[in-house]
Amino acid sequence: MKIDYIEFASPKLEETQGFFAEAFGWSFVDYGPDYRDIQGAGTGGGLERAEGLRAPLVVLKTDDLEGAFARVKAAGAAITQDIYDFPGGRRFEFTEPGGTAMAIWADPA
């Protein structure tokens, strides 16, 4: 699997979006009041409104979401969110044994 997407969280969504646009030249596609898809960053990315700060979420892509779920769980990850649907497909979230939060997604079934 390869890194496909990185999500940033900010309690000040509009200010962070403005900073990214001015400092890095990124543009955005709005998906409602709390999520922006980042354009022009070289790798897919998103920006979501969040209550507090957290490290960026690294998202991997797979063609076999259920298989990836089983492998990640067997390798010792703590599943933090079971497989769910979102507008672009399906994904699940987990923390690896060292504590890094990650996600894996697949195109819609």
PDB file of N, CA and C in Angstrom:
ATOM      1  N   MET A   1       0.841  -1.181   0.000  1.00  0.00           N
ATOM      2  CA  MET A   1       0.000   0.000   0.000  1.00  0.00           C
ATOM      3  C   MET A   1       0.882   1.239   0.000  1.00  0.00           C
ATOM      4  N   LYS A   2       0.335   2.309  -0.535  1.00  0.00           N
ATOM      5  CA  LYS A   2       1.064   3.570  -0.596  1.00  0.00           C
ATOM      6  C   LYS A   2       0.299   4.659   0.140  1.00  0.00           C
ATOM      7  N   ILE A   3       1.053   5.640   0.645  1.00  0.00           N
ATOM      8  CA  ILE A   3       0.409   6.814   1.239  1.00  0.00           C
ATOM      9  C   ILE A   3      -0.338   7.526   0.126  1.00  0.00           C
ATOM     10  N   ASP A   4      -1.613   7.804   0.366  1.00  0.00           N
ATOM     11  CA  ASP A   4      -2.475   8.380  -0.657  1.00  0.00           C
ATOM     12  C   ASP A   4      -3.031   9.740  -0.270  1.00  0.00           C
ATOM     13  N   TYR A   5      -3.121  10.038   1.029  1.00  0.00           N
ATOM     14  CA  TYR A   5      -3.868  11.210   1.473  1.00  0.00           C
ATOM     15  C   TYR A   5      -3.396  11.583   2.864  1.00  0.00           C
ATOM     16  N   ILE A   6      -3.368  12.853   3.175  1.00  0.00           N
ATOM     17  CA  ILE A   6      -3.035  13.314   4.517  1.00  0.00           C
ATOM     18  C   ILE A   6      -4.109  14.308   4.939  1.00  0.00           C
ATOM     19  N   GLU A   7      -4.700  14.066   6.118  1.00  0.00           N
ATOM     20  CA  GLU A   7      -5.731  14.965   6.634  1.00  0.00           C
ATOM     21  C   GLU A   7      -5.183  15.798   7.777  1.00  0.00           C
ATOM     22  N   PHE A   8      -5.436  17.091   7.698  1.00  0.00           N
ATOM     23  CA  PHE A   8      -5.072  18.020   8.748  1.00  0.00           C
ATOM     24  C   PHE A   8      -6.336  18.395   9.509  1.00  0.00           C
ATOM     25  N   ALA A   9      -6.223  18.610  10.811  1.00  0.00           N
ATOM     26  CA  ALA A   9      -7.352  19.031  11.635  1.00  0.00           C
ATOM     27  C   ALA A   9      -7.036  20.391  12.236  1.00  0.00           C
ATOM     28  N   SER A  10      -8.058  21.245  12.328  1.00  0.00           N
ATOM     29  CA  SER A  10      -7.854  22.572  12.879  1.00  0.00           C
ATOM     30  C   SER A  10      -9.121  23.075  13.565  1.00  0.00           C
ATOM     31  N   PRO A  11      -8.987  23.639  14.764  1.00  0.00           N
ATOM     32  CA  PRO A  11     -10.139  24.275  15.386  1.00  0.00           C
ATOM     33  C   PRO A  11     -10.462  25.625  14.720  1.00  0.00           C
ATOM     34  N   LYS A  12      -9.548  26.122  13.890  1.00  0.00           N
ATOM     35  CA  LYS A  12      -9.728  27.385  13.162  1.00  0.00           C
ATOM     36  C   LYS A  12      -9.634  27.097  11.666  1.00  0.00           C
ATOM     37  N   LEU A  13     -10.622  26.379  11.149  1.00  0.00           N
ATOM     38  CA  LEU A  13     -10.600  25.893   9.777  1.00  0.00           C
ATOM     39  C   LEU A  13     -10.326  26.998   8.763  1.00  0.00           C
ATOM     40  N   GLU A  14     -11.064  28.088   8.838  1.00  0.00           N
ATOM     41  CA  GLU A  14     -10.917  29.154   7.852  1.00  0.00           C
ATOM     42  C   GLU A  14      -9.524  29.790   7.905  1.00  0.00           C
ATOM     43  N   GLU A  15      -8.995  29.983   9.126  1.00  0.00           N
ATOM     44  CA  GLU A  15      -7.663  30.578   9.264  1.00  0.00           C
ATOM     45  C   GLU A  15      -6.586  29.640   8.727  1.00  0.00           C
ATOM     46  N   THR A  16      -6.711  28.345   9.017  1.00  0.00           N
ATOM     47  CA  THR A  16      -5.740  27.376   8.508  1.00  0.00           C
ATOM     48  C   THR A  16      -5.813  27.301   6.995  1.00  0.00           C
ATOM     49  N   GLN A  17      -7.022  27.291   6.445  1.00  0.00           N
ATOM     50  CA  GLN A  17      -7.195  27.267   4.993  1.00  0.00           C
ATOM     51  C   GLN A  17      -6.534  28.497   4.373  1.00  0.00           C
ATOM     52  N   GLY A  18      -6.756  29.658   4.944  1.00  0.00           N
ATOM     53  CA  GLY A  18      -6.140  30.883   4.433  1.00  0.00           C
ATOM     54  C   GLY A  18      -4.622  30.826   4.489  1.00  0.00           C
ATOM     55  N   PHE A  19      -4.090  30.288   5.581  1.00  0.00           N
ATOM     56  CA  PHE A  19      -2.645  30.152   5.703  1.00  0.00           C
ATOM     57  C   PHE A  19      -2.098  29.226   4.627  1.00  0.00           C
ATOM     58  N   PHE A  20      -2.693  28.048   4.466  1.00  0.00           N
ATOM     59  CA  PHE A  20      -2.229  27.105   3.450  1.00  0.00           C
ATOM     60  C   PHE A  20      -2.287  27.726   2.051  1.00  0.00           C
ATOM     61  N   ALA A  21      -3.330  28.479   1.777  1.00  0.00           N
ATOM     62  CA  ALA A  21      -3.471  29.116   0.463  1.00  0.00           C
ATOM     63  C   ALA A  21      -2.378  30.153   0.253  1.00  0.00           C
ATOM     64  N   GLU A  22      -2.173  31.006   1.239  1.00  0.00           N
ATOM     65  CA  GLU A  22      -1.192  32.088   1.098  1.00  0.00           C
ATOM     66  C   GLU A  22       0.247  31.583   1.128  1.00  0.00           C
ATOM     67  N   ALA A  23       0.542  30.703   2.077  1.00  0.00           N
ATOM     68  CA  ALA A  23       1.925  30.249   2.252  1.00  0.00           C
ATOM     69  C   ALA A  23       2.358  29.230   1.210  1.00  0.00           C
ATOM     70  N   PHE A  24       1.446  28.343   0.793  1.00  0.00           N
ATOM     71  CA  PHE A  24       1.816  27.226  -0.072  1.00  0.00           C
ATOM     72  C   PHE A  24       1.173  27.268  -1.447  1.00  0.00           C
ATOM     73  N   GLY A  25       0.201  28.163  -1.647  1.00  0.00           N
ATOM     74  CA  GLY A  25      -0.471  28.267  -2.934  1.00  0.00           C
ATOM     75  C   GLY A  25      -1.499  27.183  -3.191  1.00  0.00           C
ATOM     76  N   TRP A  26      -1.948  26.487  -2.138  1.00  0.00           N
ATOM     77  CA  TRP A  26      -2.930  25.430  -2.302  1.00  0.00           C
ATOM     78  C   TRP A  26      -4.315  26.028  -2.501  1.00  0.00           C
ATOM     79  N   SER A  27      -5.167  25.328  -3.230  1.00  0.00           N
ATOM     80  CA  SER A  27      -6.570  25.707  -3.371  1.00  0.00           C
ATOM     81  C   SER A  27      -7.410  24.602  -2.739  1.00  0.00           C
ATOM     82  N   PHE A  28      -8.724  24.830  -2.668  1.00  0.00           N
ATOM     83  CA  PHE A  28      -9.581  23.922  -1.904  1.00  0.00           C
ATOM     84  C   PHE A  28     -10.923  23.704  -2.584  1.00  0.00           C
ATOM     85  N   VAL A  29     -11.477  22.520  -2.376  1.00  0.00           N
ATOM     86  CA  VAL A  29     -12.851  22.213  -2.759  1.00  0.00           C
ATOM     87  C   VAL A  29     -13.606  22.007  -1.451  1.00  0.00           C
ATOM     88  N   ASP A  30     -14.676  22.781  -1.245  1.00  0.00           N
ATOM     89  CA  ASP A  30     -15.461  22.668  -0.014  1.00  0.00           C
ATOM     90  C   ASP A  30     -16.400  21.476  -0.073  1.00  0.00           C
ATOM     91  N   TYR A  31     -16.414  20.697   1.003  1.00  0.00           N
ATOM     92  CA  TYR A  31     -17.370  19.610   1.186  1.00  0.00           C
ATOM     93  C   TYR A  31     -18.136  19.887   2.473  1.00  0.00           C
ATOM     94  N   GLY A  32     -19.003  20.861   2.434  1.00  0.00           N
ATOM     95  CA  GLY A  32     -19.767  21.254   3.609  1.00  0.00           C
ATOM     96  C   GLY A  32     -18.991  22.230   4.463  1.00  0.00           C
ATOM     97  N   PRO A  33     -19.564  22.590   5.612  1.00  0.00           N
ATOM     98  CA  PRO A  33     -18.959  23.627   6.444  1.00  0.00           C
ATOM     99  C   PRO A  33     -17.710  23.189   7.201  1.00  0.00           C
ATOM    100  N   ASP A  34     -17.452  21.866   7.274  1.00  0.00           N
ATOM    101  CA  ASP A  34     -16.376  21.396   8.144  1.00  0.00           C
ATOM    102  C   ASP A  34     -15.268  20.616   7.454  1.00  0.00           C
ATOM    103  N   TYR A  35     -15.266  20.584   6.109  1.00  0.00           N
ATOM    104  CA  TYR A  35     -14.229  19.811   5.423  1.00  0.00           C
ATOM    105  C   TYR A  35     -13.849  20.465   4.103  1.00  0.00           C
ATOM    106  N   ARG A  36     -12.550  20.504   3.822  1.00  0.00           N
ATOM    107  CA  ARG A  36     -12.020  21.027   2.569  1.00  0.00           C
ATOM    108  C   ARG A  36     -11.063  19.996   1.987  1.00  0.00           C
ATOM    109  N   ASP A  37     -11.186  19.751   0.682  1.00  0.00           N
ATOM    110  CA  ASP A  37     -10.247  18.898  -0.031  1.00  0.00           C
ATOM    111  C   ASP A  37      -9.138  19.796  -0.558  1.00  0.00           C
ATOM    112  N   ILE A  38      -7.903  19.469  -0.261  1.00  0.00           N
ATOM    113  CA  ILE A  38      -6.759  20.287  -0.663  1.00  0.00           C
ATOM    114  C   ILE A  38      -6.369  19.944  -2.095  1.00  0.00           C
ATOM    115  N   GLN A  39      -6.170  20.957  -2.899  1.00  0.00           N
ATOM    116  CA  GLN A  39      -5.773  20.806  -4.298  1.00  0.00           C
ATOM    117  C   GLN A  39      -4.376  21.406  -4.487  1.00  0.00           C
ATOM    118  N   GLY A  40      -3.545  20.756  -5.290  1.00  0.00           N
ATOM    119  CA  GLY A  40      -2.243  21.317  -5.653  1.00  0.00           C
ATOM    120  C   GLY A  40      -1.133  21.087  -4.661  1.00  0.00           C
ATOM    121  N   ALA A  41      -1.301  20.127  -3.731  1.00  0.00           N
ATOM    122  CA  ALA A  41      -0.277  19.890  -2.717  1.00  0.00           C
ATOM    123  C   ALA A  41       0.703  18.781  -3.101  1.00  0.00           C
ATOM    124  N   GLY A  42       0.491  18.132  -4.239  1.00  0.00           N
ATOM    125  CA  GLY A  42       1.393  17.063  -4.667  1.00  0.00           C
ATOM    126  C   GLY A  42       0.930  15.685  -4.230  1.00  0.00           C
ATOM    127  N   THR A  43       0.254  15.596  -3.113  1.00  0.00           N
ATOM    128  CA  THR A  43      -0.379  14.381  -2.601  1.00  0.00           C
ATOM    129  C   THR A  43      -1.769  14.784  -2.163  1.00  0.00           C
ATOM    130  N   GLY A  44      -2.737  13.883  -2.288  1.00  0.00           N
ATOM    131  CA  GLY A  44      -4.085  14.208  -1.856  1.00  0.00           C
ATOM    132  C   GLY A  44      -4.104  14.602  -0.392  1.00  0.00           C
ATOM    133  N   GLY A  45      -4.989  15.527  -0.054  1.00  0.00           N
ATOM    134  CA  GLY A  45      -5.079  15.957   1.328  1.00  0.00           C
ATOM    135  C   GLY A  45      -6.400  16.609   1.640  1.00  0.00           C
ATOM    136  N   GLY A  46      -6.682  16.706   2.913  1.00  0.00           N
ATOM    137  CA  GLY A  46      -7.907  17.336   3.364  1.00  0.00           C
ATOM    138  C   GLY A  46      -7.652  18.139   4.624  1.00  0.00           C
ATOM    139  N   LEU A  47      -8.596  19.004   4.899  1.00  0.00           N
ATOM    140  CA  LEU A  47      -8.545  19.866   6.078  1.00  0.00           C
ATOM    141  C   LEU A  47      -9.917  19.813   6.720  1.00  0.00           C
ATOM    142  N   GLU A  48      -9.976  19.396   7.990  1.00  0.00           N
ATOM    143  CA  GLU A  48     -11.265  19.307   8.658  1.00  0.00           C
ATOM    144  C   GLU A  48     -11.288  20.142   9.924  1.00  0.00           C
ATOM    145  N   ARG A  49     -12.490  20.649  10.230  1.00  0.00           N
ATOM    146  CA  ARG A  49     -12.685  21.390  11.475  1.00  0.00           C
ATOM    147  C   ARG A  49     -12.678  20.367  12.611  1.00  0.00           C
ATOM    148  N   ALA A  50     -11.945  20.664  13.663  1.00  0.00           N
ATOM    149  CA  ALA A  50     -11.856  19.757  14.801  1.00  0.00           C
ATOM    150  C   ALA A  50     -11.890  20.570  16.091  1.00  0.00           C
ATOM    151  N   GLU A  51     -12.312  19.950  17.152  1.00  0.00           N
ATOM    152  CA  GLU A  51     -12.377  20.618  18.457  1.00  0.00           C
ATOM    153  C   GLU A  51     -10.989  20.976  18.980  1.00  0.00           C
ATOM    154  N   GLY A  52     -10.040  20.121  18.756  1.00  0.00           N
ATOM    155  CA  GLY A  52      -8.688  20.371  19.250  1.00  0.00           C
ATOM    156  C   GLY A  52      -7.673  20.042  18.181  1.00  0.00           C
ATOM    157  N   LEU A  53      -6.426  20.156  18.545  1.00  0.00           N
ATOM    158  CA  LEU A  53      -5.356  19.833  17.614  1.00  0.00           C
ATOM    159  C   LEU A  53      -5.045  18.351  17.667  1.00  0.00           C
ATOM    160  N   ARG A  54      -4.596  17.812  16.555  1.00  0.00           N
ATOM    161  CA  ARG A  54      -4.078  16.458  16.508  1.00  0.00           C
ATOM    162  C   ARG A  54      -3.058  16.419  15.377  1.00  0.00           C
ATOM    163  N   ALA A  55      -2.220  15.425  15.413  1.00  0.00           N
ATOM    164  CA  ALA A  55      -1.235  15.251  14.348  1.00  0.00           C
ATOM    165  C   ALA A  55      -1.968  14.946  13.045  1.00  0.00           C
ATOM    166  N   PRO A  56      -1.372  15.274  11.902  1.00  0.00           N
ATOM    167  CA  PRO A  56      -2.002  14.915  10.627  1.00  0.00           C
ATOM    168  C   PRO A  56      -2.254  13.414  10.550  1.00  0.00           C
ATOM    169  N   LEU A  57      -3.352  13.051   9.909  1.00  0.00           N
ATOM    170  CA  LEU A  57      -3.735  11.653   9.745  1.00  0.00           C
ATOM    171  C   LEU A  57      -3.241  11.165   8.392  1.00  0.00           C
ATOM    172  N   VAL A  58      -2.369  10.162   8.398  1.00  0.00           N
ATOM    173  CA  VAL A  58      -1.853   9.574   7.169  1.00  0.00           C
ATOM    174  C   VAL A  58      -2.838   8.502   6.721  1.00  0.00           C
ATOM    175  N   VAL A  59      -3.244   8.584   5.451  1.00  0.00           N
ATOM    176  CA  VAL A  59      -4.245   7.662   4.916  1.00  0.00           C
ATOM    177  C   VAL A  59      -3.629   6.874   3.755  1.00  0.00           C
ATOM    178  N   LEU A  60      -3.693   5.551   3.849  1.00  0.00           N
ATOM    179  CA  LEU A  60      -3.211   4.661   2.806  1.00  0.00           C
ATOM    180  C   LEU A  60      -4.393   4.219   1.953  1.00  0.00           C
ATOM    181  N   LYS A  61      -4.119   3.785   0.715  1.00  0.00           N
ATOM    182  CA  LYS A  61      -5.183   3.292  -0.161  1.00  0.00           C
ATOM    183  C   LYS A  61      -4.928   1.832  -0.492  1.00  0.00           C
ATOM    184  N   THR A  62      -6.016   1.069  -0.577  1.00  0.00           N
ATOM    185  CA  THR A  62      -5.942  -0.353  -0.907  1.00  0.00           C
ATOM    186  C   THR A  62      -7.076  -0.723  -1.853  1.00  0.00           C
ATOM    187  N   ASP A  63      -6.909  -1.845  -2.533  1.00  0.00           N
ATOM    188  CA  ASP A  63      -7.979  -2.406  -3.351  1.00  0.00           C
ATOM    189  C   ASP A  63      -8.773  -3.448  -2.569  1.00  0.00           C
ATOM    190  N   ASP A  64      -8.287  -3.827  -1.379  1.00  0.00           N
ATOM    191  CA  ASP A  64      -8.928  -4.866  -0.564  1.00  0.00           C
ATOM    192  C   ASP A  64      -9.051  -4.371   0.870  1.00  0.00           C
ATOM    193  N   LEU A  65     -10.102  -3.614   1.153  1.00  0.00           N
ATOM    194  CA  LEU A  65     -10.257  -2.990   2.465  1.00  0.00           C
ATOM    195  C   LEU A  65     -10.422  -4.030   3.574  1.00  0.00           C
ATOM    196  N   GLU A  66     -11.235  -5.040   3.347  1.00  0.00           N
ATOM    197  CA  GLU A  66     -11.433  -6.060   4.378  1.00  0.00           C
ATOM    198  C   GLU A  66     -10.137  -6.824   4.656  1.00  0.00           C
ATOM    199  N   GLY A  67      -9.373  -7.124   3.607  1.00  0.00           N
ATOM    200  CA  GLY A  67      -8.090  -7.794   3.792  1.00  0.00           C
ATOM    201  C   GLY A  67      -7.106  -6.925   4.556  1.00  0.00           C
ATOM    202  N   ALA A  68      -7.064  -5.632   4.219  1.00  0.00           N
ATOM    203  CA  ALA A  68      -6.179  -4.699   4.930  1.00  0.00           C
ATOM    204  C   ALA A  68      -6.583  -4.601   6.398  1.00  0.00           C
ATOM    205  N   PHE A  69      -7.888  -4.555   6.651  1.00  0.00           N
ATOM    206  CA  PHE A  69      -8.400  -4.508   8.028  1.00  0.00           C
ATOM    207  C   PHE A  69      -7.885  -5.717   8.811  1.00  0.00           C
ATOM    208  N   ALA A  70      -8.027  -6.890   8.237  1.00  0.00           N
ATOM    209  CA  ALA A  70      -7.596  -8.122   8.909  1.00  0.00           C
ATOM    210  C   ALA A  70      -6.081  -8.111   9.161  1.00  0.00           C
ATOM    211  N   ARG A  71      -5.295  -7.695   8.169  1.00  0.00           N
ATOM    212  CA  ARG A  71      -3.825  -7.672   8.325  1.00  0.00           C
ATOM    213  C   ARG A  71      -3.387  -6.674   9.390  1.00  0.00           C
ATOM    214  N   VAL A  72      -3.984  -5.486   9.372  1.00  0.00           N
ATOM    215  CA  VAL A  72      -3.623  -4.447  10.342  1.00  0.00           C
ATOM    216  C   VAL A  72      -3.959  -4.906  11.763  1.00  0.00           C
ATOM    217  N   LYS A  73      -5.140  -5.484  11.909  1.00  0.00           N
ATOM    218  CA  LYS A  73      -5.560  -5.975  13.226  1.00  0.00           C
ATOM    219  C   LYS A  73      -4.644  -7.102  13.702  1.00  0.00           C
ATOM    220  N   ALA A  74      -4.329  -8.043  12.808  1.00  0.00           N
ATOM    221  CA  ALA A  74      -3.452  -9.166  13.168  1.00  0.00           C
ATOM    222  C   ALA A  74      -2.044  -8.704  13.519  1.00  0.00           C
ATOM    223  N   ALA A  75      -1.610  -7.593  12.931  1.00  0.00           N
ATOM    224  CA  ALA A  75      -0.265  -7.076  13.191  1.00  0.00           C
ATOM    225  C   ALA A  75      -0.193  -6.289  14.500  1.00  0.00           C
ATOM    226  N   GLY A  76      -1.329  -6.106  15.177  1.00  0.00           N
ATOM    227  CA  GLY A  76      -1.298  -5.476  16.497  1.00  0.00           C
ATOM    228  C   GLY A  76      -1.873  -4.084  16.591  1.00  0.00           C
ATOM    229  N   ALA A  77      -2.512  -3.599  15.545  1.00  0.00           N
ATOM    230  CA  ALA A  77      -3.108  -2.265  15.607  1.00  0.00           C
ATOM    231  C   ALA A  77      -4.351  -2.270  16.484  1.00  0.00           C
ATOM    232  N   ALA A  78      -4.640  -1.129  17.078  1.00  0.00           N
ATOM    233  CA  ALA A  78      -5.899  -0.932  17.799  1.00  0.00           C
ATOM    234  C   ALA A  78      -6.854  -0.241  16.828  1.00  0.00           C
ATOM    235  N   ILE A  79      -7.945  -0.890  16.499  1.00  0.00           N
ATOM    236  CA  ILE A  79      -8.924  -0.311  15.584  1.00  0.00           C
ATOM    237  C   ILE A  79      -9.690   0.768  16.339  1.00  0.00           C
ATOM    238  N   THR A  80      -9.656   1.992  15.836  1.00  0.00           N
ATOM    239  CA  THR A  80     -10.346   3.104  16.496  1.00  0.00           C
ATOM    240  C   THR A  80     -11.664   3.448  15.822  1.00  0.00           C
ATOM    241  N   GLN A  81     -11.830   3.032  14.574  1.00  0.00           N
ATOM    242  CA  GLN A  81     -13.100   3.208  13.876  1.00  0.00           C
ATOM    243  C   GLN A  81     -13.221   2.095  12.840  1.00  0.00           C
ATOM    244  N   ASP A  82     -14.251   1.269  13.009  1.00  0.00           N
ATOM    245  CA  ASP A  82     -14.488   0.174  12.072  1.00  0.00           C
ATOM    246  C   ASP A  82     -14.770   0.722  10.677  1.00  0.00           C
ATOM    247  N   ILE A  83     -14.809  -0.149   9.705  1.00  0.00           N
ATOM    248  CA  ILE A  83     -15.062   0.234   8.311  1.00  0.00           C
ATOM    249  C   ILE A  83     -16.367   1.027   8.219  1.00  0.00           C
ATOM    250  N   TYR A  84     -16.286   2.167   7.536  1.00  0.00           N
ATOM    251  CA  TYR A  84     -17.469   3.011   7.342  1.00  0.00           C
ATOM    252  C   TYR A  84     -17.432   3.627   5.951  1.00  0.00           C
ATOM    253  N   ASP A  85     -18.588   4.051   5.486  1.00  0.00           N
ATOM    254  CA  ASP A  85     -18.716   4.730   4.196  1.00  0.00           C
ATOM    255  C   ASP A  85     -18.514   6.226   4.375  1.00  0.00           C
ATOM    256  N   PHE A  86     -17.917   6.862   3.384  1.00  0.00           N
ATOM    257  CA  PHE A  86     -17.820   8.322   3.318  1.00  0.00           C
ATOM    258  C   PHE A  86     -18.027   8.698   1.856  1.00  0.00           C
ATOM    259  N   PRO A  87     -18.190   9.974   1.526  1.00  0.00           N
ATOM    260  CA  PRO A  87     -18.549  10.325   0.146  1.00  0.00           C
ATOM    261  C   PRO A  87     -17.636   9.763  -0.943  1.00  0.00           C
ATOM    262  N   GLY A  88     -16.352   9.524  -0.650  1.00  0.00           N
ATOM    263  CA  GLY A  88     -15.438   9.033  -1.676  1.00  0.00           C
ATOM    264  C   GLY A  88     -15.216   7.542  -1.694  1.00  0.00           C
ATOM    265  N   GLY A  89     -15.731   6.816  -0.704  1.00  0.00           N
ATOM    266  CA  GLY A  89     -15.490   5.383  -0.648  1.00  0.00           C
ATOM    267  C   GLY A  89     -15.787   4.812   0.725  1.00  0.00           C
ATOM    268  N   ARG A  90     -14.870   3.944   1.190  1.00  0.00           N
ATOM    269  CA  ARG A  90     -14.998   3.314   2.505  1.00  0.00           C
ATOM    270  C   ARG A  90     -13.629   3.336   3.170  1.00  0.00           C
ATOM    271  N   ARG A  91     -13.611   3.394   4.506  1.00  0.00           N
ATOM    272  CA  ARG A  91     -12.330   3.367   5.198  1.00  0.00           C
ATOM    273  C   ARG A  91     -12.489   2.915   6.636  1.00  0.00           C
ATOM    274  N   PHE A  92     -11.342   2.659   7.281  1.00  0.00           N
ATOM    275  CA  PHE A  92     -11.298   2.406   8.718  1.00  0.00           C
ATOM    276  C   PHE A  92     -10.087   3.132   9.278  1.00  0.00           C
ATOM    277  N   GLU A  93     -10.087   3.324  10.600  1.00  0.00           N
ATOM    278  CA  GLU A  93      -9.012   4.054  11.265  1.00  0.00           C
ATOM    279  C   GLU A  93      -8.444   3.207  12.395  1.00  0.00           C
ATOM    280  N   PHE A  94      -7.172   3.429  12.703  1.00  0.00           N
ATOM    281  CA  PHE A  94      -6.495   2.618  13.707  1.00  0.00           C
ATOM    282  C   PHE A  94      -5.287   3.366  14.243  1.00  0.00           C
ATOM    283  N   THR A  95      -4.729   2.846  15.333  1.00  0.00           N
ATOM    284  CA  THR A  95      -3.421   3.310  15.789  1.00  0.00           C
ATOM    285  C   THR A  95      -2.481   2.112  15.727  1.00  0.00           C
ATOM    286  N   GLU A  96      -1.293   2.358  15.203  1.00  0.00           N
ATOM    287  CA  GLU A  96      -0.284   1.298  15.166  1.00  0.00           C
ATOM    288  C   GLU A  96       0.266   1.147  16.582  1.00  0.00           C
ATOM    289  N   PRO A  97       1.008   0.064  16.884  1.00  0.00           N
ATOM    290  CA  PRO A  97       1.436  -0.184  18.257  1.00  0.00           C
ATOM    291  C   PRO A  97       2.199   0.958  18.924  1.00  0.00           C
ATOM    292  N   GLY A  98       2.864   1.810  18.151  1.00  0.00           N
ATOM    293  CA  GLY A  98       3.578   2.938  18.737  1.00  0.00           C
ATOM    294  C   GLY A  98       2.696   4.146  18.995  1.00  0.00           C
ATOM    295  N   GLY A  99       1.420   4.091  18.553  1.00  0.00           N
ATOM    296  CA  GLY A  99       0.478   5.161  18.846  1.00  0.00           C
ATOM    297  C   GLY A  99       0.130   6.095  17.707  1.00  0.00           C
ATOM    298  N   THR A 100       0.748   5.932  16.537  1.00  0.00           N
ATOM    299  CA  THR A 100       0.439   6.800  15.410  1.00  0.00           C
ATOM    300  C   THR A 100      -0.935   6.466  14.847  1.00  0.00           C
ATOM    301  N   ALA A 101      -1.796   7.483  14.729  1.00  0.00           N
ATOM    302  CA  ALA A 101      -3.124   7.289  14.137  1.00  0.00           C
ATOM    303  C   ALA A 101      -2.985   7.245  12.622  1.00  0.00           C
ATOM    304  N   MET A 102      -3.670   6.279  12.010  1.00  0.00           N
ATOM    305  CA  MET A 102      -3.630   6.112  10.557  1.00  0.00           C
ATOM    306  C   MET A 102      -4.999   5.666  10.079  1.00  0.00           C
ATOM    307  N   ALA A 103      -5.194   5.653   8.763  1.00  0.00           N
ATOM    308  CA  ALA A 103      -6.423   5.157   8.165  1.00  0.00           C
ATOM    309  C   ALA A 103      -6.081   4.466   6.857  1.00  0.00           C
ATOM    310  N   ILE A 104      -6.965   3.590   6.418  1.00  0.00           N
ATOM    311  CA  ILE A 104      -6.849   2.951   5.103  1.00  0.00           C
ATOM    312  C   ILE A 104      -8.202   3.065   4.439  1.00  0.00           C
ATOM    313  N   TRP A 105      -8.182   3.413   3.137  1.00  0.00           N
ATOM    314  CA  TRP A 105      -9.439   3.581   2.404  1.00  0.00           C
ATOM    315  C   TRP A 105      -9.405   2.812   1.104  1.00  0.00           C
ATOM    316  N   ALA A 106     -10.587   2.628   0.541  1.00  0.00           N
ATOM    317  CA  ALA A 106     -10.760   1.983  -0.764  1.00  0.00           C
ATOM    318  C   ALA A 106     -11.894   2.683  -1.491  1.00  0.00           C
ATOM    319  N   ASP A 107     -11.863   2.572  -2.818  1.00  0.00           N
ATOM    320  CA  ASP A 107     -12.967   3.096  -3.609  1.00  0.00           C
ATOM    321  C   ASP A 107     -14.260   2.403  -3.190  1.00  0.00           C
ATOM    322  N   PRO A 108     -15.416   2.986  -3.508  1.00  0.00           N
ATOM    323  CA  PRO A 108     -16.686   2.347  -3.141  1.00  0.00           C
ATOM    324  C   PRO A 108     -16.770   0.916  -3.682  1.00  0.00           C
ATOM    325  N   ALA A 109     -17.433   0.074  -2.919  1.00  0.00           N
ATOM    326  CA  ALA A 109     -17.569  -1.345  -3.321  1.00  0.00           C
ATOM    327  C   ALA A 109     -18.429  -1.490  -4.552  1.00  0.00           C
TER     328      ALA A 109
END
